[in-house]
N, C-alpha and C. Protein backbone atom coordinates (compact mmCIF):
# COMPACT_ATOMS: atom_id res chain seq x y z
N UNK A 1 -3.24 -27.10 -29.45
CA UNK A 1 -3.62 -27.41 -27.93
C UNK A 1 -4.24 -26.35 -27.32
N UNK A 2 -5.76 -27.32 -27.05
CA UNK A 2 -6.55 -26.15 -26.30
C UNK A 2 -7.00 -26.99 -25.08
N UNK A 3 -6.64 -25.88 -23.51
CA UNK A 3 -7.44 -26.12 -22.54
C UNK A 3 -6.00 -25.59 -22.02
N UNK A 4 -5.14 -26.82 -21.32
CA UNK A 4 -4.30 -26.24 -19.76
C UNK A 4 -3.05 -27.03 -20.42
N UNK A 5 -1.78 -25.75 -20.46
CA UNK A 5 -1.10 -27.07 -20.63
C UNK A 5 -0.31 -25.75 -19.72
N UNK A 6 1.35 -26.59 -18.77
CA UNK A 6 1.67 -26.36 -18.50
C UNK A 6 3.44 -26.94 -18.46
N UNK A 7 4.32 -25.92 -18.47
CA UNK A 7 6.07 -26.98 -18.99
C UNK A 7 6.48 -26.03 -17.76
N UNK A 8 6.87 -27.03 -16.37
CA UNK A 8 7.24 -26.70 -15.78
C UNK A 8 8.57 -27.99 -15.42
N UNK A 9 9.75 -27.33 -16.06
CA UNK A 9 10.69 -28.51 -16.54
C UNK A 9 10.97 -29.18 -14.72
N UNK A 10 10.88 -30.46 -14.61
CA UNK A 10 10.59 -31.67 -15.58
C UNK A 10 9.48 -32.39 -16.14
N UNK A 11 8.18 -31.61 -15.85
CA UNK A 11 6.84 -32.34 -15.98
C UNK A 11 6.23 -31.07 -17.75
N UNK A 12 5.08 -32.83 -18.04
CA UNK A 12 5.05 -31.50 -18.79
C UNK A 12 3.57 -32.07 -19.06
N UNK A 13 2.13 -31.30 -18.99
CA UNK A 13 0.80 -31.36 -18.83
C UNK A 13 0.23 -30.98 -20.14
N UNK A 14 -0.73 -31.71 -20.54
CA UNK A 14 -1.81 -30.95 -21.56
C UNK A 14 -2.82 -31.52 -21.57
N UNK A 15 -3.75 -30.75 -22.16
CA UNK A 15 -5.63 -31.48 -22.38
C UNK A 15 -4.97 -30.14 -24.01
N UNK A 16 -5.70 -32.25 -24.76
CA UNK A 16 -5.98 -32.09 -26.11
C UNK A 16 -7.40 -31.82 -26.29
N UNK A 17 -7.99 -30.69 -27.30
CA UNK A 17 -9.22 -31.18 -27.81
C UNK A 17 -8.79 -31.10 -29.59
N UNK A 18 -9.13 -31.74 -29.67
CA UNK A 18 -9.06 -32.54 -31.33
C UNK A 18 -7.94 -32.18 -31.96
N UNK A 19 -6.69 -31.60 -31.50
CA UNK A 19 -5.39 -31.61 -31.86
C UNK A 19 -5.02 -32.58 -32.74
N UNK A 20 -4.20 -31.56 -33.99
CA UNK A 20 -3.55 -31.64 -34.80
C UNK A 20 -2.23 -31.23 -35.06
N UNK A 21 -1.53 -32.17 -34.77
CA UNK A 21 -0.20 -30.91 -35.18
C UNK A 21 1.06 -31.90 -34.38
N UNK A 22 2.08 -31.22 -34.26
CA UNK A 22 2.94 -31.55 -33.75
C UNK A 22 4.01 -30.55 -33.15
N UNK A 23 4.47 -31.27 -31.81
CA UNK A 23 4.79 -30.39 -30.81
C UNK A 23 6.06 -30.82 -30.09
N UNK A 24 7.15 -30.07 -30.28
CA UNK A 24 8.60 -30.25 -29.61
C UNK A 24 8.22 -29.80 -27.76
N UNK A 25 8.37 -31.24 -26.91
CA UNK A 25 8.36 -30.70 -25.94
C UNK A 25 9.48 -30.22 -24.62
N UNK A 26 10.77 -30.88 -25.46
CA UNK A 26 11.78 -30.80 -24.21
C UNK A 26 12.48 -31.30 -25.86
N UNK A 27 13.99 -30.52 -25.67
CA UNK A 27 14.70 -30.82 -26.33
C UNK A 27 15.42 -29.85 -26.39
N UNK A 28 16.90 -29.87 -27.36
CA UNK A 28 17.92 -28.77 -26.86
C UNK A 28 19.28 -29.90 -27.83
N UNK A 29 20.15 -29.02 -28.05
CA UNK A 29 21.43 -29.42 -28.23
C UNK A 29 22.56 -29.22 -26.76
N UNK A 30 23.66 -30.38 -26.93
CA UNK A 30 24.55 -30.14 -26.15
C UNK A 30 25.55 -31.19 -26.04
N UNK A 31 26.58 -30.65 -26.06
CA UNK A 31 27.66 -31.56 -26.69
C UNK A 31 28.70 -32.35 -24.91
N UNK A 32 27.75 -32.03 -24.10
CA UNK A 32 28.70 -32.09 -22.91
C UNK A 32 27.57 -31.09 -21.97
N UNK A 33 26.80 -32.46 -20.73
CA UNK A 33 25.59 -32.31 -20.21
C UNK A 33 26.45 -32.77 -18.25
N UNK A 34 26.05 -31.77 -18.29
CA UNK A 34 26.40 -31.53 -15.96
C UNK A 34 25.46 -32.61 -15.82
N UNK A 35 24.88 -33.11 -15.70
CA UNK A 35 23.62 -34.07 -15.36
C UNK A 35 23.94 -35.38 -15.62
N UNK A 36 24.55 -35.85 -17.10
CA UNK A 36 24.87 -36.60 -17.36
C UNK A 36 24.61 -37.09 -18.81
N UNK A 37 24.35 -37.95 -19.99
CA UNK A 37 23.74 -38.25 -20.88
C UNK A 37 22.58 -39.54 -21.04
N UNK A 38 21.89 -39.35 -19.80
CA UNK A 38 21.27 -40.25 -19.83
C UNK A 38 19.70 -39.11 -18.48
N UNK A 39 18.55 -40.05 -19.80
CA UNK A 39 17.50 -39.35 -18.64
C UNK A 39 16.86 -40.42 -18.67
N UNK A 40 15.73 -40.26 -17.81
CA UNK A 40 14.75 -40.99 -17.53
C UNK A 40 12.63 -40.85 -18.23
N UNK A 41 11.54 -40.99 -19.04
CA UNK A 41 10.81 -40.31 -19.48
C UNK A 41 9.85 -41.33 -18.69
N UNK A 42 8.98 -40.70 -18.29
CA UNK A 42 7.60 -41.39 -17.82
C UNK A 42 6.38 -40.89 -18.80
N UNK A 43 5.61 -41.68 -19.43
CA UNK A 43 4.48 -40.16 -19.80
C UNK A 43 3.23 -41.59 -19.94
N UNK A 44 2.64 -40.73 -20.07
CA UNK A 44 0.40 -40.91 -19.21
C UNK A 44 -0.56 -40.34 -20.91
N UNK A 45 -0.93 -41.18 -21.45
CA UNK A 45 -1.54 -40.71 -22.48
C UNK A 45 -2.81 -41.01 -22.44
N UNK A 46 -4.30 -39.98 -22.04
CA UNK A 46 -5.11 -40.60 -22.22
C UNK A 46 -6.27 -39.96 -23.19
N UNK A 47 -6.79 -40.60 -23.77
CA UNK A 47 -7.26 -39.82 -25.03
C UNK A 47 -9.11 -40.29 -25.10
N UNK A 48 -9.67 -39.38 -25.67
CA UNK A 48 -11.62 -40.12 -25.74
C UNK A 48 -11.29 -40.35 -27.02
N UNK A 49 -10.74 -39.43 -27.77
CA UNK A 49 -10.94 -39.55 -29.66
C UNK A 49 -9.58 -39.10 -30.25
N UNK A 50 -9.63 -39.60 -31.62
CA UNK A 50 -8.15 -39.28 -32.07
C UNK A 50 -7.20 -40.69 -31.43
N UNK A 51 -6.10 -40.16 -32.10
CA UNK A 51 -4.67 -40.83 -32.01
C UNK A 51 -3.40 -39.62 -31.83
N UNK A 52 -2.46 -40.53 -31.11
CA UNK A 52 -1.21 -39.67 -31.05
C UNK A 52 -0.21 -40.72 -30.35
N UNK A 53 1.18 -39.79 -30.24
CA UNK A 53 1.93 -40.63 -30.06
C UNK A 53 3.09 -40.12 -29.44
N UNK A 54 4.19 -39.99 -28.80
CA UNK A 54 5.62 -39.63 -27.85
C UNK A 54 6.55 -39.77 -28.69
N UNK A 55 7.12 -39.51 -29.53
CA UNK A 55 8.18 -39.91 -29.97
C UNK A 55 10.20 -39.38 -29.27
N UNK A 56 11.31 -40.34 -29.30
CA UNK A 56 12.31 -39.80 -29.33
C UNK A 56 12.99 -39.74 -30.12
N UNK A 57 13.35 -37.83 -30.70
CA UNK A 57 13.79 -37.85 -32.27
C UNK A 57 15.90 -37.23 -31.39
N UNK A 58 16.47 -38.64 -32.46
CA UNK A 58 18.52 -38.16 -32.00
C UNK A 58 18.80 -38.27 -32.80
N UNK A 59 19.78 -36.68 -33.30
CA UNK A 59 20.11 -37.00 -34.39
C UNK A 59 19.05 -36.66 -35.85
N UNK A 60 20.37 -37.61 -36.06
CA UNK A 60 19.72 -37.99 -37.55
C UNK A 60 18.85 -39.38 -37.85
N UNK A 61 18.47 -39.63 -36.44
CA UNK A 61 18.45 -41.17 -36.56
C UNK A 61 16.94 -41.30 -36.56
N UNK A 62 15.88 -42.65 -37.03
CA UNK A 62 14.64 -42.13 -37.25
C UNK A 62 14.15 -42.43 -35.64
N UNK A 63 13.01 -41.34 -35.74
CA UNK A 63 12.29 -41.11 -34.64
C UNK A 63 11.82 -42.49 -33.71
N UNK A 64 12.22 -42.55 -32.36
CA UNK A 64 11.42 -44.22 -31.92
C UNK A 64 10.28 -44.11 -31.38
N UNK A 65 9.62 -44.20 -31.08
CA UNK A 65 8.09 -43.95 -30.57
C UNK A 65 8.06 -44.54 -29.68
N UNK A 66 8.07 -43.42 -28.27
CA UNK A 66 7.90 -43.88 -26.92
C UNK A 66 6.39 -44.45 -26.10
N UNK A 67 5.68 -43.65 -26.63
CA UNK A 67 4.18 -43.96 -26.20
C UNK A 67 3.30 -43.29 -26.92
N UNK A 68 1.97 -44.77 -27.53
CA UNK A 68 1.25 -43.86 -28.68
C UNK A 68 0.02 -44.64 -27.96
N UNK A 69 -1.23 -43.40 -28.53
CA UNK A 69 -2.84 -43.86 -28.16
C UNK A 69 -3.23 -43.44 -27.44
N UNK A 70 -3.09 -44.67 -26.46
CA UNK A 70 -3.17 -44.37 -24.50
C UNK A 70 -2.26 -45.30 -24.01
N UNK A 71 -1.74 -45.00 -22.78
CA UNK A 71 -1.44 -45.95 -21.79
C UNK A 71 -0.50 -45.41 -20.90
N UNK A 72 0.57 -45.93 -20.54
CA UNK A 72 1.47 -45.52 -19.66
C UNK A 72 2.71 -45.64 -20.39
N UNK A 73 4.00 -45.15 -20.34
CA UNK A 73 5.50 -46.02 -20.39
C UNK A 73 6.75 -44.75 -19.88
N UNK A 74 7.73 -46.44 -19.91
CA UNK A 74 8.37 -45.23 -18.69
C UNK A 74 9.82 -45.76 -19.44
N UNK A 75 10.95 -45.37 -19.75
CA UNK A 75 12.28 -45.57 -20.53
C UNK A 75 12.96 -44.61 -19.70
N UNK A 76 14.33 -45.02 -20.15
CA UNK A 76 15.81 -44.26 -20.33
C UNK A 76 16.74 -44.56 -21.12
N UNK A 77 16.32 -43.01 -21.32
CA UNK A 77 16.76 -42.76 -23.45
C UNK A 77 18.61 -42.07 -22.63
N UNK A 78 19.31 -42.29 -23.10
CA UNK A 78 21.53 -42.07 -23.87
C UNK A 78 21.08 -40.55 -24.98
N UNK A 79 21.55 -39.78 -24.21
CA UNK A 79 21.68 -38.42 -25.09
C UNK A 79 22.95 -38.81 -25.50
N UNK A 80 22.95 -38.84 -27.19
CA UNK A 80 24.52 -39.05 -27.72
C UNK A 80 24.41 -36.84 -27.70
N UNK A 81 25.50 -36.87 -28.11
CA UNK A 81 26.39 -35.27 -28.40
C UNK A 81 25.11 -34.90 -29.41
N UNK A 82 24.69 -33.84 -29.52
CA UNK A 82 23.86 -33.10 -30.29
C UNK A 82 22.89 -32.98 -30.15
N UNK A 83 21.70 -32.85 -31.18
CA UNK A 83 19.86 -32.51 -30.85
C UNK A 83 19.41 -33.83 -30.69
N UNK A 84 18.38 -33.43 -29.61
CA UNK A 84 17.56 -34.50 -28.65
C UNK A 84 16.28 -34.26 -28.72
N UNK A 85 15.22 -34.23 -29.38
CA UNK A 85 13.79 -33.96 -28.95
C UNK A 85 12.45 -34.94 -28.43
N UNK A 86 12.32 -34.50 -27.71
CA UNK A 86 10.64 -35.29 -27.00
C UNK A 86 9.55 -34.83 -28.02
N UNK A 87 8.82 -35.62 -28.42
CA UNK A 87 7.80 -34.40 -29.17
C UNK A 87 6.37 -35.71 -29.48
N UNK A 88 5.94 -34.58 -29.69
CA UNK A 88 4.12 -34.89 -29.83
C UNK A 88 3.63 -35.12 -30.18
N UNK A 89 3.04 -35.98 -31.47
CA UNK A 89 2.41 -36.22 -32.95
C UNK A 89 1.14 -36.27 -32.24
N UNK A 90 -0.18 -35.96 -33.25
CA UNK A 90 -1.44 -35.81 -32.65
C UNK A 90 -2.63 -36.44 -34.45
N UNK A 91 -3.40 -36.74 -34.18
CA UNK A 91 -4.40 -36.87 -35.17
C UNK A 91 -5.50 -36.77 -34.85
N UNK A 92 -6.29 -35.21 -34.31
CA UNK A 92 -7.54 -35.08 -33.72
C UNK A 92 -8.03 -35.70 -32.25
N UNK A 93 -6.92 -35.70 -31.90
CA UNK A 93 -6.97 -35.91 -30.17
C UNK A 93 -7.44 -34.95 -29.41
N UNK A 94 -8.26 -35.55 -28.57
CA UNK A 94 -8.90 -35.36 -27.65
C UNK A 94 -8.60 -35.96 -26.16
N UNK A 95 -8.30 -35.29 -24.69
CA UNK A 95 -7.73 -36.25 -23.82
C UNK A 95 -6.40 -35.79 -23.44
N UNK A 96 -5.66 -36.53 -22.60
CA UNK A 96 -4.16 -35.07 -21.90
C UNK A 96 -3.27 -36.07 -22.05
N UNK A 97 -2.40 -35.21 -21.87
CA UNK A 97 -1.20 -36.29 -21.82
C UNK A 97 -0.15 -35.18 -20.56
N UNK A 98 1.00 -36.34 -20.05
CA UNK A 98 1.89 -36.20 -18.63
C UNK A 98 2.91 -36.90 -18.36
N UNK A 99 3.98 -35.73 -18.75
CA UNK A 99 5.65 -36.49 -19.70
C UNK A 99 6.56 -36.21 -18.26
N UNK A 100 7.38 -36.68 -17.77
CA UNK A 100 7.78 -36.61 -16.17
C UNK A 100 9.60 -36.61 -17.37
N UNK A 101 9.80 -36.11 -16.96
CA UNK A 101 11.42 -36.40 -17.97
C UNK A 101 12.42 -36.24 -16.14
N UNK A 102 13.34 -37.17 -15.76
CA UNK A 102 14.04 -36.92 -14.81
C UNK A 102 15.98 -37.15 -15.67
């Protein structure tokens, strides 16, 4: 990731310049959550080059694609006990991403 990266929960913003790789931007484990077991995720992905996708990884389940290559997406996610992560995977991505988790 090059450029500006801000992570002030619950908002994540980044500028990519030829980024290839994976980064976990939100996540952790928990058996009980004071705020409940649901979150709403909104993502906007704008790319000039390359590809990128936002994934939801929960436990040992296969990752769920929430947003890919370009566009906006919003979803309500149920968080079971254990590990839950929001991950960005990219290949030669140049552009920006904004994620909001509420």
